[in-house]
Amino acid sequence: MRSLKILLVEDNEIFQQIQAHMLTRLGHEVVTASSAQKALATLKLFAFDVILMDLVMPEMDGFECAREIKAMNVQTPIVALSGNDSQETKDACFEAGMSGYLKKPTDKDTFEFMMQQVLAQ
């Protein structure tokens, strides 16, 4: 898999560090945002290959953030990150404009498979 420029949107600092470390070890460039608002500001300045979006965050959740990103006409695929693996949550992700879904914590093989799927769309 080629190196990707990834925006990781995650408010939990520990999970953010773990996920960013794994992605960096896989050869990807990772920029982190600890809130939806910071993610939106970052997307006004930089382009990414993919956005990994936590769903449960204070002030603005991942669903609303995904809708805001789509309203900005940003075409970058958004992949949800959640500990909730219910079909209802997955459906809500796709309804909000997300391209994929990963259950936290995710492993290398699952991540790479999802990236191949969403980047091929």
N, C-alpha and C. Protein backbone atom coordinates (compact mmCIF):
# COMPACT_ATOMS: atom_id res chain seq x y z
N MET A 1 0.84 -1.19 0.00
CA MET A 1 0.00 0.00 0.00
C MET A 1 0.88 1.24 0.00
N ARG A 2 0.50 2.22 -0.82
CA ARG A 2 1.26 3.47 -0.88
C ARG A 2 1.07 4.26 0.41
N SER A 3 2.00 5.16 0.66
CA SER A 3 1.91 6.02 1.83
C SER A 3 0.76 7.00 1.65
N LEU A 4 -0.04 7.17 2.70
CA LEU A 4 -1.19 8.05 2.66
C LEU A 4 -1.00 9.23 3.60
N LYS A 5 -1.60 10.35 3.25
CA LYS A 5 -1.66 11.49 4.16
C LYS A 5 -3.03 11.41 4.83
N ILE A 6 -3.02 11.18 6.15
CA ILE A 6 -4.24 10.88 6.90
C ILE A 6 -4.52 11.96 7.94
N LEU A 7 -5.77 12.41 7.98
CA LEU A 7 -6.23 13.27 9.07
C LEU A 7 -6.95 12.37 10.07
N LEU A 8 -6.40 12.26 11.27
CA LEU A 8 -6.98 11.45 12.34
C LEU A 8 -7.72 12.38 13.31
N VAL A 9 -9.04 12.25 13.34
CA VAL A 9 -9.87 13.09 14.21
C VAL A 9 -10.31 12.24 15.39
N GLU A 10 -9.72 12.51 16.55
CA GLU A 10 -9.94 11.67 17.74
C GLU A 10 -9.74 12.53 18.98
N ASP A 11 -10.76 12.61 19.84
CA ASP A 11 -10.65 13.44 21.04
C ASP A 11 -9.98 12.73 22.21
N ASN A 12 -9.93 11.39 22.20
CA ASN A 12 -9.28 10.64 23.27
C ASN A 12 -7.78 10.61 23.00
N GLU A 13 -7.02 11.32 23.83
CA GLU A 13 -5.59 11.49 23.59
C GLU A 13 -4.84 10.16 23.54
N ILE A 14 -5.18 9.23 24.41
CA ILE A 14 -4.48 7.94 24.43
C ILE A 14 -4.74 7.18 23.14
N PHE A 15 -6.00 7.08 22.75
CA PHE A 15 -6.31 6.37 21.51
C PHE A 15 -5.70 7.09 20.31
N GLN A 16 -5.72 8.42 20.33
CA GLN A 16 -5.12 9.20 19.25
C GLN A 16 -3.64 8.84 19.09
N GLN A 17 -2.92 8.78 20.21
CA GLN A 17 -1.49 8.46 20.16
C GLN A 17 -1.25 7.04 19.66
N ILE A 18 -2.04 6.08 20.14
CA ILE A 18 -1.88 4.68 19.72
C ILE A 18 -2.15 4.55 18.23
N GLN A 19 -3.25 5.12 17.77
CA GLN A 19 -3.63 5.01 16.36
C GLN A 19 -2.61 5.73 15.47
N ALA A 20 -2.19 6.92 15.86
CA ALA A 20 -1.21 7.68 15.08
C ALA A 20 0.11 6.92 15.00
N HIS A 21 0.53 6.31 16.10
CA HIS A 21 1.77 5.53 16.11
C HIS A 21 1.68 4.35 15.14
N MET A 22 0.57 3.61 15.18
CA MET A 22 0.40 2.47 14.28
C MET A 22 0.44 2.93 12.82
N LEU A 23 -0.27 4.00 12.52
CA LEU A 23 -0.33 4.49 11.13
C LEU A 23 1.03 4.98 10.65
N THR A 24 1.76 5.66 11.53
CA THR A 24 3.10 6.13 11.18
C THR A 24 4.03 4.96 10.94
N ARG A 25 3.94 3.93 11.77
CA ARG A 25 4.77 2.73 11.58
C ARG A 25 4.46 2.04 10.26
N LEU A 26 3.23 2.18 9.77
CA LEU A 26 2.86 1.60 8.48
C LEU A 26 3.32 2.47 7.31
N GLY A 27 3.95 3.61 7.62
CA GLY A 27 4.51 4.46 6.57
C GLY A 27 3.63 5.61 6.14
N HIS A 28 2.58 5.88 6.90
CA HIS A 28 1.67 6.96 6.53
C HIS A 28 2.02 8.25 7.27
N GLU A 29 1.67 9.38 6.65
CA GLU A 29 1.83 10.68 7.29
C GLU A 29 0.52 10.99 8.01
N VAL A 30 0.60 11.27 9.30
CA VAL A 30 -0.60 11.46 10.11
C VAL A 30 -0.62 12.87 10.71
N VAL A 31 -1.74 13.55 10.50
CA VAL A 31 -2.01 14.82 11.15
C VAL A 31 -3.19 14.57 12.07
N THR A 32 -3.10 15.01 13.33
CA THR A 32 -4.18 14.75 14.28
C THR A 32 -4.98 16.02 14.56
N ALA A 33 -6.25 15.80 14.85
CA ALA A 33 -7.14 16.87 15.30
C ALA A 33 -7.92 16.31 16.49
N SER A 34 -7.93 17.04 17.59
CA SER A 34 -8.56 16.54 18.82
C SER A 34 -10.04 16.91 18.92
N SER A 35 -10.57 17.58 17.90
CA SER A 35 -12.00 17.92 17.90
C SER A 35 -12.48 18.08 16.46
N ALA A 36 -13.78 18.06 16.30
CA ALA A 36 -14.36 18.26 14.97
C ALA A 36 -14.03 19.66 14.45
N GLN A 37 -14.08 20.66 15.33
CA GLN A 37 -13.79 22.02 14.91
C GLN A 37 -12.36 22.15 14.40
N LYS A 38 -11.41 21.49 15.08
CA LYS A 38 -10.01 21.53 14.64
C LYS A 38 -9.86 20.81 13.31
N ALA A 39 -10.61 19.74 13.12
CA ALA A 39 -10.57 19.01 11.85
C ALA A 39 -11.05 19.89 10.71
N LEU A 40 -12.16 20.59 10.92
CA LEU A 40 -12.69 21.47 9.88
C LEU A 40 -11.70 22.58 9.53
N ALA A 41 -11.05 23.14 10.54
CA ALA A 41 -10.05 24.19 10.30
C ALA A 41 -8.85 23.63 9.54
N THR A 42 -8.42 22.44 9.91
CA THR A 42 -7.27 21.80 9.24
C THR A 42 -7.58 21.52 7.78
N LEU A 43 -8.81 21.09 7.49
CA LEU A 43 -9.20 20.78 6.12
C LEU A 43 -9.27 22.02 5.23
N LYS A 44 -9.37 23.20 5.82
CA LYS A 44 -9.34 24.43 5.03
C LYS A 44 -7.93 24.77 4.59
N LEU A 45 -6.93 24.18 5.26
CA LEU A 45 -5.53 24.49 4.98
C LEU A 45 -4.79 23.40 4.22
N PHE A 46 -5.18 22.14 4.42
CA PHE A 46 -4.42 21.02 3.88
C PHE A 46 -5.34 20.00 3.22
N ALA A 47 -4.77 19.26 2.26
CA ALA A 47 -5.51 18.17 1.60
C ALA A 47 -5.01 16.84 2.15
N PHE A 48 -5.90 15.86 2.21
CA PHE A 48 -5.57 14.54 2.74
C PHE A 48 -6.08 13.46 1.79
N ASP A 49 -5.49 12.28 1.91
CA ASP A 49 -5.96 11.13 1.13
C ASP A 49 -7.19 10.50 1.78
N VAL A 50 -7.24 10.55 3.11
CA VAL A 50 -8.36 9.94 3.85
C VAL A 50 -8.48 10.63 5.21
N ILE A 51 -9.70 10.64 5.73
CA ILE A 51 -9.98 11.17 7.07
C ILE A 51 -10.50 10.02 7.92
N LEU A 52 -9.87 9.79 9.07
CA LEU A 52 -10.36 8.81 10.04
C LEU A 52 -11.07 9.60 11.13
N MET A 53 -12.37 9.33 11.31
CA MET A 53 -13.23 10.17 12.14
C MET A 53 -13.83 9.41 13.33
N ASP A 54 -13.45 9.83 14.54
CA ASP A 54 -14.13 9.32 15.74
C ASP A 54 -15.58 9.79 15.68
N LEU A 55 -16.48 8.99 16.19
CA LEU A 55 -17.90 9.36 16.14
C LEU A 55 -18.37 10.12 17.36
N VAL A 56 -17.84 9.77 18.54
CA VAL A 56 -18.32 10.38 19.79
C VAL A 56 -17.29 11.40 20.27
N MET A 57 -17.63 12.67 20.10
CA MET A 57 -16.77 13.78 20.53
C MET A 57 -17.67 14.86 21.11
N PRO A 58 -17.13 15.65 22.07
CA PRO A 58 -17.93 16.74 22.63
C PRO A 58 -18.14 17.85 21.59
N GLU A 59 -19.14 18.66 21.80
CA GLU A 59 -19.47 19.82 20.98
C GLU A 59 -20.03 19.45 19.61
N MET A 60 -19.26 18.72 18.79
CA MET A 60 -19.74 18.28 17.48
C MET A 60 -19.29 16.83 17.29
N ASP A 61 -20.25 15.93 17.05
CA ASP A 61 -19.88 14.53 16.88
C ASP A 61 -19.38 14.26 15.45
N GLY A 62 -18.90 13.05 15.23
CA GLY A 62 -18.34 12.68 13.94
C GLY A 62 -19.35 12.70 12.80
N PHE A 63 -20.61 12.42 13.11
CA PHE A 63 -21.65 12.45 12.08
C PHE A 63 -21.84 13.87 11.55
N GLU A 64 -21.98 14.82 12.49
CA GLU A 64 -22.17 16.22 12.11
C GLU A 64 -20.93 16.75 11.40
N CYS A 65 -19.76 16.37 11.88
CA CYS A 65 -18.51 16.81 11.25
C CYS A 65 -18.43 16.30 9.81
N ALA A 66 -18.81 15.05 9.59
CA ALA A 66 -18.79 14.49 8.24
C ALA A 66 -19.73 15.27 7.32
N ARG A 67 -20.91 15.62 7.83
CA ARG A 67 -21.85 16.41 7.02
C ARG A 67 -21.28 17.79 6.71
N GLU A 68 -20.59 18.40 7.68
CA GLU A 68 -19.95 19.71 7.46
C GLU A 68 -18.85 19.60 6.40
N ILE A 69 -18.07 18.53 6.47
CA ILE A 69 -16.99 18.32 5.49
C ILE A 69 -17.59 18.19 4.09
N LYS A 70 -18.64 17.42 3.96
CA LYS A 70 -19.29 17.25 2.66
C LYS A 70 -19.87 18.58 2.17
N ALA A 71 -20.41 19.40 3.09
CA ALA A 71 -20.96 20.71 2.72
C ALA A 71 -19.86 21.65 2.23
N MET A 72 -18.61 21.42 2.68
CA MET A 72 -17.46 22.21 2.22
C MET A 72 -16.99 21.74 0.85
N ASN A 73 -17.64 20.72 0.32
CA ASN A 73 -17.30 20.12 -0.98
C ASN A 73 -15.91 19.46 -0.96
N VAL A 74 -15.50 18.98 0.20
CA VAL A 74 -14.26 18.22 0.32
C VAL A 74 -14.57 16.79 -0.13
N GLN A 75 -13.81 16.28 -1.09
CA GLN A 75 -14.08 14.96 -1.67
C GLN A 75 -13.32 13.83 -0.98
N THR A 76 -12.52 14.15 0.02
CA THR A 76 -11.72 13.16 0.73
C THR A 76 -12.61 12.11 1.39
N PRO A 77 -12.31 10.81 1.19
CA PRO A 77 -13.11 9.78 1.86
C PRO A 77 -12.98 9.88 3.39
N ILE A 78 -14.10 9.68 4.06
CA ILE A 78 -14.15 9.71 5.53
C ILE A 78 -14.47 8.30 6.01
N VAL A 79 -13.63 7.79 6.92
CA VAL A 79 -13.85 6.47 7.50
C VAL A 79 -14.11 6.66 8.99
N ALA A 80 -15.23 6.14 9.45
CA ALA A 80 -15.60 6.25 10.86
C ALA A 80 -14.73 5.34 11.72
N LEU A 81 -14.44 5.81 12.93
CA LEU A 81 -13.77 5.01 13.96
C LEU A 81 -14.70 4.97 15.16
N SER A 82 -15.10 3.76 15.57
CA SER A 82 -16.03 3.68 16.70
C SER A 82 -15.87 2.36 17.45
N GLY A 83 -16.13 2.42 18.73
CA GLY A 83 -16.17 1.20 19.53
C GLY A 83 -17.51 0.50 19.41
N ASN A 84 -18.51 1.19 18.85
CA ASN A 84 -19.85 0.64 18.67
C ASN A 84 -19.93 -0.01 17.29
N ASP A 85 -20.18 -1.30 17.27
CA ASP A 85 -20.17 -2.06 16.01
C ASP A 85 -21.58 -2.40 15.53
N SER A 86 -22.59 -1.63 15.96
CA SER A 86 -23.97 -1.97 15.59
C SER A 86 -24.27 -1.58 14.14
N GLN A 87 -25.20 -2.28 13.54
CA GLN A 87 -25.60 -1.96 12.17
C GLN A 87 -26.22 -0.57 12.10
N GLU A 88 -26.93 -0.19 13.14
CA GLU A 88 -27.54 1.15 13.20
C GLU A 88 -26.47 2.24 13.11
N THR A 89 -25.37 2.06 13.84
CA THR A 89 -24.27 3.04 13.81
C THR A 89 -23.65 3.07 12.42
N LYS A 90 -23.40 1.90 11.84
CA LYS A 90 -22.82 1.84 10.49
C LYS A 90 -23.72 2.54 9.49
N ASP A 91 -25.02 2.29 9.56
CA ASP A 91 -25.97 2.93 8.64
C ASP A 91 -25.93 4.46 8.80
N ALA A 92 -25.87 4.93 10.04
CA ALA A 92 -25.82 6.37 10.30
C ALA A 92 -24.54 6.99 9.71
N CYS A 93 -23.45 6.24 9.74
CA CYS A 93 -22.19 6.72 9.15
C CYS A 93 -22.35 6.96 7.65
N PHE A 94 -22.92 5.98 6.97
CA PHE A 94 -23.09 6.11 5.53
C PHE A 94 -24.09 7.21 5.19
N GLU A 95 -25.14 7.36 6.00
CA GLU A 95 -26.12 8.42 5.79
C GLU A 95 -25.49 9.80 5.96
N ALA A 96 -24.46 9.90 6.81
CA ALA A 96 -23.76 11.18 7.04
C ALA A 96 -22.71 11.46 5.97
N GLY A 97 -22.53 10.53 5.03
CA GLY A 97 -21.59 10.76 3.94
C GLY A 97 -20.24 10.08 4.09
N MET A 98 -20.11 9.22 5.09
CA MET A 98 -18.85 8.51 5.27
C MET A 98 -18.74 7.35 4.27
N SER A 99 -17.51 7.00 3.95
CA SER A 99 -17.24 5.97 2.94
C SER A 99 -16.96 4.60 3.53
N GLY A 100 -16.65 4.55 4.82
CA GLY A 100 -16.30 3.27 5.44
C GLY A 100 -16.41 3.36 6.95
N TYR A 101 -16.12 2.22 7.60
CA TYR A 101 -16.31 2.10 9.04
C TYR A 101 -15.26 1.15 9.59
N LEU A 102 -14.57 1.55 10.64
CA LEU A 102 -13.61 0.69 11.33
C LEU A 102 -13.97 0.65 12.81
N LYS A 103 -13.97 -0.55 13.38
CA LYS A 103 -14.21 -0.71 14.82
C LYS A 103 -12.90 -0.47 15.56
N LYS A 104 -12.98 0.32 16.64
CA LYS A 104 -11.79 0.57 17.47
C LYS A 104 -11.63 -0.57 18.47
N PRO A 105 -10.42 -0.97 18.78
CA PRO A 105 -9.20 -0.63 18.04
C PRO A 105 -9.13 -1.45 16.76
N THR A 106 -8.48 -0.90 15.77
CA THR A 106 -8.35 -1.61 14.49
C THR A 106 -6.93 -2.13 14.34
N ASP A 107 -6.78 -3.15 13.53
CA ASP A 107 -5.45 -3.71 13.29
C ASP A 107 -4.98 -3.36 11.88
N LYS A 108 -3.74 -3.66 11.61
CA LYS A 108 -3.10 -3.32 10.33
C LYS A 108 -3.85 -3.90 9.14
N ASP A 109 -4.18 -5.18 9.18
CA ASP A 109 -4.82 -5.83 8.03
C ASP A 109 -6.21 -5.24 7.76
N THR A 110 -6.99 -5.03 8.81
CA THR A 110 -8.33 -4.46 8.64
C THR A 110 -8.23 -3.04 8.10
N PHE A 111 -7.28 -2.26 8.62
CA PHE A 111 -7.08 -0.90 8.15
C PHE A 111 -6.72 -0.88 6.67
N GLU A 112 -5.74 -1.70 6.28
CA GLU A 112 -5.30 -1.70 4.88
C GLU A 112 -6.41 -2.16 3.94
N PHE A 113 -7.20 -3.14 4.36
CA PHE A 113 -8.32 -3.61 3.54
C PHE A 113 -9.33 -2.47 3.34
N MET A 114 -9.66 -1.76 4.41
CA MET A 114 -10.61 -0.65 4.32
C MET A 114 -10.08 0.46 3.43
N MET A 115 -8.78 0.77 3.54
CA MET A 115 -8.21 1.83 2.71
C MET A 115 -8.30 1.46 1.23
N GLN A 116 -8.00 0.21 0.91
CA GLN A 116 -8.11 -0.23 -0.48
C GLN A 116 -9.54 -0.06 -0.99
N GLN A 117 -10.52 -0.37 -0.15
CA GLN A 117 -11.92 -0.25 -0.55
C GLN A 117 -12.33 1.21 -0.77
N VAL A 118 -12.05 2.07 0.21
CA VAL A 118 -12.54 3.45 0.09
C VAL A 118 -11.77 4.25 -0.95
N LEU A 119 -10.50 3.96 -1.14
CA LEU A 119 -9.73 4.71 -2.13
C LEU A 119 -10.03 4.26 -3.55
N ALA A 120 -10.63 3.09 -3.70
CA ALA A 120 -11.01 2.59 -5.02
C ALA A 120 -12.37 3.15 -5.46
N GLN A 121 -13.11 3.77 -4.54
CA GLN A 121 -14.46 4.28 -4.87
C GLN A 121 -14.39 5.49 -5.78
